[in-house]
Amino acid sequence: MTRLIVDTDTAGDDVFSLLIALRHPRARLEAITVSCGNVRFEQEVENALYTVEMAGRSGEVPVYPGCRKPLVGEWVGAEYVHGNDGMGDCNFPQAKQRPEAEHAVDELVRRINESPGELTILCQAPLTNLATAVSRDPSIAGKVRALYLMGGGFGNITPAAEYNFFVDPEAAKIVVNAGFPLTLFTWSLTRTHGVFNDDQLARIDALGIWWRDLQRIGEHAEHPWIAGLMVEALVDSARKALSEPAVSGRRSGVKSVHLPA
């Protein structure tokens, strides 16, 4: 059983991976932390809460609001991709569950220290929350079981910059160099493996109208499935598909993911 925390800037692509994490039989999602990113911060929190409710887990998985703006630069949104609500302008109703009072950074530090070597962290947002947490307590880098990041690679907001790293490059630099056991899922991977083939789409379609609605939301993102691919990789024994570490040593410990064509 993978004990999991997901750090998210909840829009339609992140919702897909959250649903897998919430429902996967070999994953135990223990907390969701929300970072500045895709859309207005309060809306990101609401999207996370609504996703928990739609997964049938309302009241079971806490949602912690975190950093509302990057460490240094100005926040840059992606409403032009995800819609003003981050969900393709579907304007879903407010969930019954409400966010926790504790700050996401405090919870990351507390939970990692309370369970050394046990927690897997999935970051699919700008890395402001985790950078702040590891700056406060550098020891947590050596206490997580694994860290998976969605970021970097070819550009999707400028020719050279991927969105998550672009929004908070200072945070990305802190996290990548902090000594976490890190696996990086890049935008380059998204461009080559973040889509389903016809057979896979037929299997999804056979699941019913709810999944078709999810696909409709996902159409507002360029390749929404990469976030789901990350969760499957970390909970479904897909590590055999990962490359050897691109850089050896605990200091960087970065693995770049290369999946078979």
Protein backbone atom coordinates (compact mmCIF):
# COMPACT_ATOMS: atom_id res chain seq x y z
CA MET A 1 0.00 0.00 0.00
CA THR A 2 1.45 3.36 -1.05
CA ARG A 3 0.93 6.12 1.49
CA LEU A 4 0.50 9.23 -0.60
CA ILE A 5 0.30 13.02 -0.36
CA VAL A 6 -0.61 14.95 -3.51
CA ASP A 7 0.40 18.59 -3.91
CA THR A 8 -1.78 20.16 -6.58
CA ASP A 9 -2.98 23.35 -8.27
CA THR A 10 -6.22 21.62 -8.97
CA ALA A 11 -7.43 21.90 -12.56
CA GLY A 12 -8.84 19.24 -14.85
CA ASP A 13 -5.54 17.44 -15.46
CA ASP A 14 -4.76 17.18 -11.76
CA VAL A 15 -8.30 16.00 -11.05
CA PHE A 16 -7.64 12.93 -13.16
CA SER A 17 -4.69 11.84 -11.03
CA LEU A 18 -6.49 12.74 -7.81
CA LEU A 19 -9.34 10.43 -8.78
CA ILE A 20 -6.89 7.58 -9.35
CA ALA A 21 -5.17 8.28 -6.03
CA LEU A 22 -8.52 8.42 -4.23
CA ARG A 23 -9.82 5.17 -5.73
CA HIS A 24 -6.75 3.04 -6.43
CA PRO A 25 -6.78 -0.15 -4.32
CA ARG A 26 -3.04 0.06 -3.66
CA ALA A 27 -2.90 3.75 -2.76
CA ARG A 28 -3.84 5.46 0.48
CA LEU A 29 -4.18 9.16 -0.17
CA GLU A 30 -3.66 10.73 3.25
CA ALA A 31 -3.73 14.43 2.39
CA ILE A 32 -4.08 16.90 -0.46
CA THR A 33 -2.08 20.12 -0.33
CA VAL A 34 -2.91 23.02 -2.64
CA SER A 35 -0.35 25.37 -4.19
CA CYS A 36 -0.62 28.48 -6.32
CA GLY A 37 -0.87 27.63 -10.00
CA ASN A 38 -3.42 27.09 -12.72
CA VAL A 39 -6.32 29.29 -11.59
CA ARG A 40 -7.42 31.53 -8.71
CA PHE A 41 -6.21 29.92 -5.48
CA GLU A 42 -9.59 29.67 -3.77
CA GLN A 43 -10.96 27.92 -6.86
CA GLU A 44 -8.14 25.38 -6.80
CA VAL A 45 -9.08 24.51 -3.22
CA GLU A 46 -12.73 24.12 -4.17
CA ASN A 47 -11.80 21.87 -7.11
CA ALA A 48 -9.82 19.60 -4.80
CA LEU A 49 -12.71 19.37 -2.34
CA TYR A 50 -15.20 18.64 -5.11
CA THR A 51 -12.96 15.90 -6.49
CA VAL A 52 -12.78 14.22 -3.09
CA GLU A 53 -16.57 14.34 -2.87
CA MET A 54 -17.11 12.96 -6.37
CA ALA A 55 -14.75 10.08 -5.54
CA GLY A 56 -17.03 9.13 -2.64
CA ARG A 57 -14.40 10.10 -0.03
CA SER A 58 -15.93 13.27 1.40
CA GLY A 59 -14.69 13.92 4.92
CA GLU A 60 -12.03 11.20 4.65
CA VAL A 61 -9.14 13.01 2.93
CA PRO A 62 -8.18 16.44 4.29
CA VAL A 63 -7.41 19.33 1.93
CA TYR A 64 -4.85 21.87 3.14
CA PRO A 65 -4.50 25.29 1.48
CA GLY A 66 -0.89 26.29 1.02
CA CYS A 67 1.12 29.07 -0.60
CA ARG A 68 -1.02 31.51 -2.57
CA LYS A 69 1.80 33.04 -4.61
CA PRO A 70 5.29 32.07 -5.83
CA LEU A 71 8.36 32.65 -3.69
CA VAL A 72 9.64 35.63 -5.71
CA GLY A 73 7.85 36.35 -8.98
CA GLU A 74 4.27 37.25 -9.79
CA TRP A 75 1.69 34.50 -10.17
CA VAL A 76 0.82 33.53 -13.75
CA GLY A 77 -2.44 31.63 -14.30
CA ALA A 78 -3.49 29.19 -17.00
CA GLU A 79 -7.18 29.96 -17.31
CA TYR A 80 -6.78 30.13 -21.08
CA VAL A 81 -6.14 26.37 -20.96
CA HIS A 82 -8.35 25.16 -18.10
CA GLY A 83 -11.15 27.74 -18.03
CA ASN A 84 -11.75 30.29 -15.31
CA ASP A 85 -12.78 27.58 -12.84
CA GLY A 86 -10.01 25.19 -13.83
CA MET A 87 -12.61 22.64 -14.88
CA GLY A 88 -13.46 23.75 -18.39
CA ASP A 89 -15.94 26.32 -17.04
CA CYS A 90 -18.26 23.56 -15.87
CA ASN A 91 -19.05 25.58 -12.71
CA PHE A 92 -19.54 22.59 -10.43
CA PRO A 93 -21.34 23.18 -7.10
CA GLN A 94 -19.46 23.71 -3.85
CA ALA A 95 -18.54 20.52 -2.00
CA LYS A 96 -19.81 19.86 1.50
CA GLN A 97 -16.32 19.22 2.86
CA ARG A 98 -14.40 22.36 3.79
CA PRO A 99 -10.63 22.98 3.78
CA GLU A 100 -8.58 22.39 6.90
CA ALA A 101 -7.37 25.30 9.01
CA GLU A 102 -3.75 24.12 9.03
CA HIS A 103 -1.36 25.41 6.35
CA ALA A 104 -0.13 22.92 3.76
CA VAL A 105 3.53 23.65 4.54
CA ASP A 106 3.01 22.90 8.24
CA GLU A 107 1.28 19.64 7.35
CA LEU A 108 4.00 18.53 4.95
CA VAL A 109 6.67 19.06 7.59
CA ARG A 110 4.61 17.41 10.33
CA ARG A 111 3.47 14.38 8.36
CA ILE A 112 6.87 13.63 6.83
CA ASN A 113 8.57 13.85 10.22
CA GLU A 114 5.95 11.65 11.85
CA SER A 115 6.31 8.93 9.18
CA PRO A 116 9.96 8.87 8.06
CA GLY A 117 10.57 6.67 5.02
CA GLU A 118 6.87 5.94 4.54
CA LEU A 119 5.29 8.76 2.55
CA THR A 120 5.37 9.21 -1.22
CA ILE A 121 4.86 12.81 -2.36
CA LEU A 122 3.39 13.62 -5.76
CA CYS A 123 3.82 17.27 -6.80
CA GLN A 124 1.84 18.28 -9.88
CA ALA A 125 1.87 22.05 -9.31
CA PRO A 126 4.46 24.80 -8.97
CA LEU A 127 6.73 23.65 -6.15
CA THR A 128 6.16 26.55 -3.76
CA ASN A 129 4.70 24.43 -0.93
CA LEU A 130 7.42 21.80 -0.92
CA ALA A 131 10.23 24.35 -1.38
CA THR A 132 8.96 26.28 1.62
CA ALA A 133 8.65 23.08 3.66
CA VAL A 134 12.18 21.85 2.90
CA SER A 135 13.61 25.32 3.52
CA ARG A 136 12.00 25.27 6.93
CA ASP A 137 13.19 21.72 7.69
CA PRO A 138 15.89 20.43 5.31
CA SER A 139 15.82 17.00 6.97
CA ILE A 140 12.51 16.09 5.34
CA ALA A 141 14.30 15.56 2.01
CA GLY A 142 15.82 12.40 3.43
CA LYS A 143 12.63 11.22 5.13
CA VAL A 144 10.25 10.73 2.19
CA ARG A 145 10.00 7.37 0.51
CA ALA A 146 9.83 8.93 -2.96
CA LEU A 147 9.10 12.26 -4.60
CA TYR A 148 7.48 12.49 -8.03
CA LEU A 149 7.41 15.85 -9.81
CA MET A 150 5.50 16.97 -12.90
CA GLY A 151 7.58 19.71 -14.45
CA GLY A 152 10.45 20.73 -16.68
CA GLY A 153 11.29 19.51 -20.17
CA PHE A 154 10.31 21.27 -23.38
CA GLY A 155 8.38 24.50 -22.97
CA ASN A 156 4.60 24.83 -22.92
CA ILE A 157 4.29 28.42 -21.70
CA THR A 158 7.41 29.72 -23.48
CA PRO A 159 9.56 27.86 -26.02
CA ALA A 160 11.99 26.97 -23.21
CA ALA A 161 9.86 26.84 -20.04
CA GLU A 162 7.32 24.33 -18.72
CA TYR A 163 4.49 25.92 -16.71
CA ASN A 164 5.11 24.51 -13.22
CA PHE A 165 8.80 25.40 -13.26
CA PHE A 166 8.08 28.74 -14.97
CA VAL A 167 5.61 29.93 -12.33
CA ASP A 168 8.08 29.36 -9.49
CA PRO A 169 11.59 28.66 -10.79
CA GLU A 170 13.16 29.50 -7.43
CA ALA A 171 11.02 26.82 -5.78
CA ALA A 172 11.93 24.29 -8.48
CA LYS A 173 15.64 24.95 -7.92
CA ILE A 174 15.30 24.47 -4.17
CA VAL A 175 13.40 21.18 -4.48
CA VAL A 176 15.55 19.63 -7.21
CA ASN A 177 18.71 20.35 -5.22
CA ALA A 178 17.36 19.47 -1.76
CA GLY A 179 18.30 15.77 -1.85
CA PHE A 180 14.89 14.18 -2.30
CA PRO A 181 14.70 10.73 -3.96
CA LEU A 182 13.21 12.35 -7.02
CA THR A 183 11.63 11.12 -10.23
CA LEU A 184 10.77 13.80 -12.80
CA PHE A 185 7.88 13.55 -15.26
CA THR A 186 8.56 16.25 -17.83
CA TRP A 187 6.42 18.09 -20.35
CA SER A 188 8.47 16.30 -23.00
CA LEU A 189 7.06 13.00 -21.70
CA THR A 190 3.59 14.52 -21.79
CA ARG A 191 3.96 15.32 -25.46
CA THR A 192 4.89 11.75 -26.34
CA HIS A 193 2.97 9.60 -23.84
CA GLY A 194 0.24 11.79 -22.36
CA VAL A 195 -2.45 10.55 -24.75
CA PHE A 196 -4.51 7.37 -25.06
CA ASN A 197 -4.72 5.22 -28.17
CA ASP A 198 -8.06 4.13 -29.68
CA ASP A 199 -8.20 0.83 -27.76
CA GLN A 200 -7.59 2.56 -24.45
CA LEU A 201 -10.21 5.20 -25.20
CA ALA A 202 -12.73 2.45 -26.02
CA ARG A 203 -12.08 0.83 -22.63
CA ILE A 204 -12.60 4.18 -20.90
CA ASP A 205 -15.78 4.84 -22.86
CA ALA A 206 -17.13 1.46 -21.76
CA LEU A 207 -16.95 2.61 -18.14
CA GLY A 208 -19.91 4.91 -18.69
CA ILE A 209 -21.06 8.50 -18.89
CA TRP A 210 -19.12 9.68 -15.81
CA TRP A 211 -15.80 8.96 -17.50
CA ARG A 212 -16.97 10.58 -20.71
CA ASP A 213 -17.71 13.73 -18.70
CA LEU A 214 -14.19 13.59 -17.32
CA GLN A 215 -12.83 13.31 -20.85
CA ARG A 216 -14.88 16.37 -21.84
CA ILE A 217 -13.26 18.36 -19.02
CA GLY A 218 -9.86 17.08 -20.06
CA GLU A 219 -10.29 18.34 -23.58
CA HIS A 220 -9.65 21.86 -22.28
CA ALA A 221 -6.12 20.78 -21.31
CA GLU A 222 -3.54 20.01 -23.94
CA HIS A 223 -2.60 16.58 -22.57
CA PRO A 224 -4.36 16.02 -19.22
CA TRP A 225 -3.46 12.37 -18.76
CA ILE A 226 0.16 12.81 -17.73
CA ALA A 227 -0.86 13.46 -14.11
CA GLY A 228 -2.77 10.19 -14.06
CA LEU A 229 0.20 8.45 -15.62
CA MET A 230 2.30 9.64 -12.69
CA VAL A 231 -0.01 8.05 -10.12
CA GLU A 232 -0.16 4.78 -12.01
CA ALA A 233 3.63 4.75 -12.21
CA LEU A 234 4.10 5.14 -8.49
CA VAL A 235 1.35 2.79 -7.22
CA ASP A 236 1.09 0.15 -9.94
CA SER A 237 4.61 -1.30 -10.06
CA ALA A 238 5.55 0.69 -13.15
CA ARG A 239 8.97 1.59 -11.85
CA LYS A 240 10.42 -1.15 -14.05
CA ALA A 241 9.51 1.14 -16.97
CA LEU A 242 11.63 3.95 -15.58
CA SER A 243 15.15 4.68 -16.72
CA GLU A 244 18.22 4.40 -14.55
CA PRO A 245 19.05 7.59 -12.63
CA ALA A 246 20.23 10.27 -15.02
CA VAL A 247 22.39 11.69 -12.24
CA SER A 248 23.75 9.44 -9.52
CA GLY A 249 24.00 10.35 -5.86
CA ARG A 250 21.57 11.35 -3.14
CA ARG A 251 22.12 15.11 -3.58
CA SER A 252 20.29 15.23 -6.89
CA GLY A 253 19.02 11.67 -7.24
CA VAL A 254 16.94 12.63 -10.24
CA LYS A 255 15.37 10.06 -12.49
CA SER A 256 14.03 11.13 -15.85
CA VAL A 257 11.17 8.93 -16.99
CA HIS A 258 11.29 7.28 -20.39
CA LEU A 259 8.32 5.03 -21.15
CA PRO A 260 8.32 2.57 -24.04
CA ALA A 261 6.65 3.74 -27.24
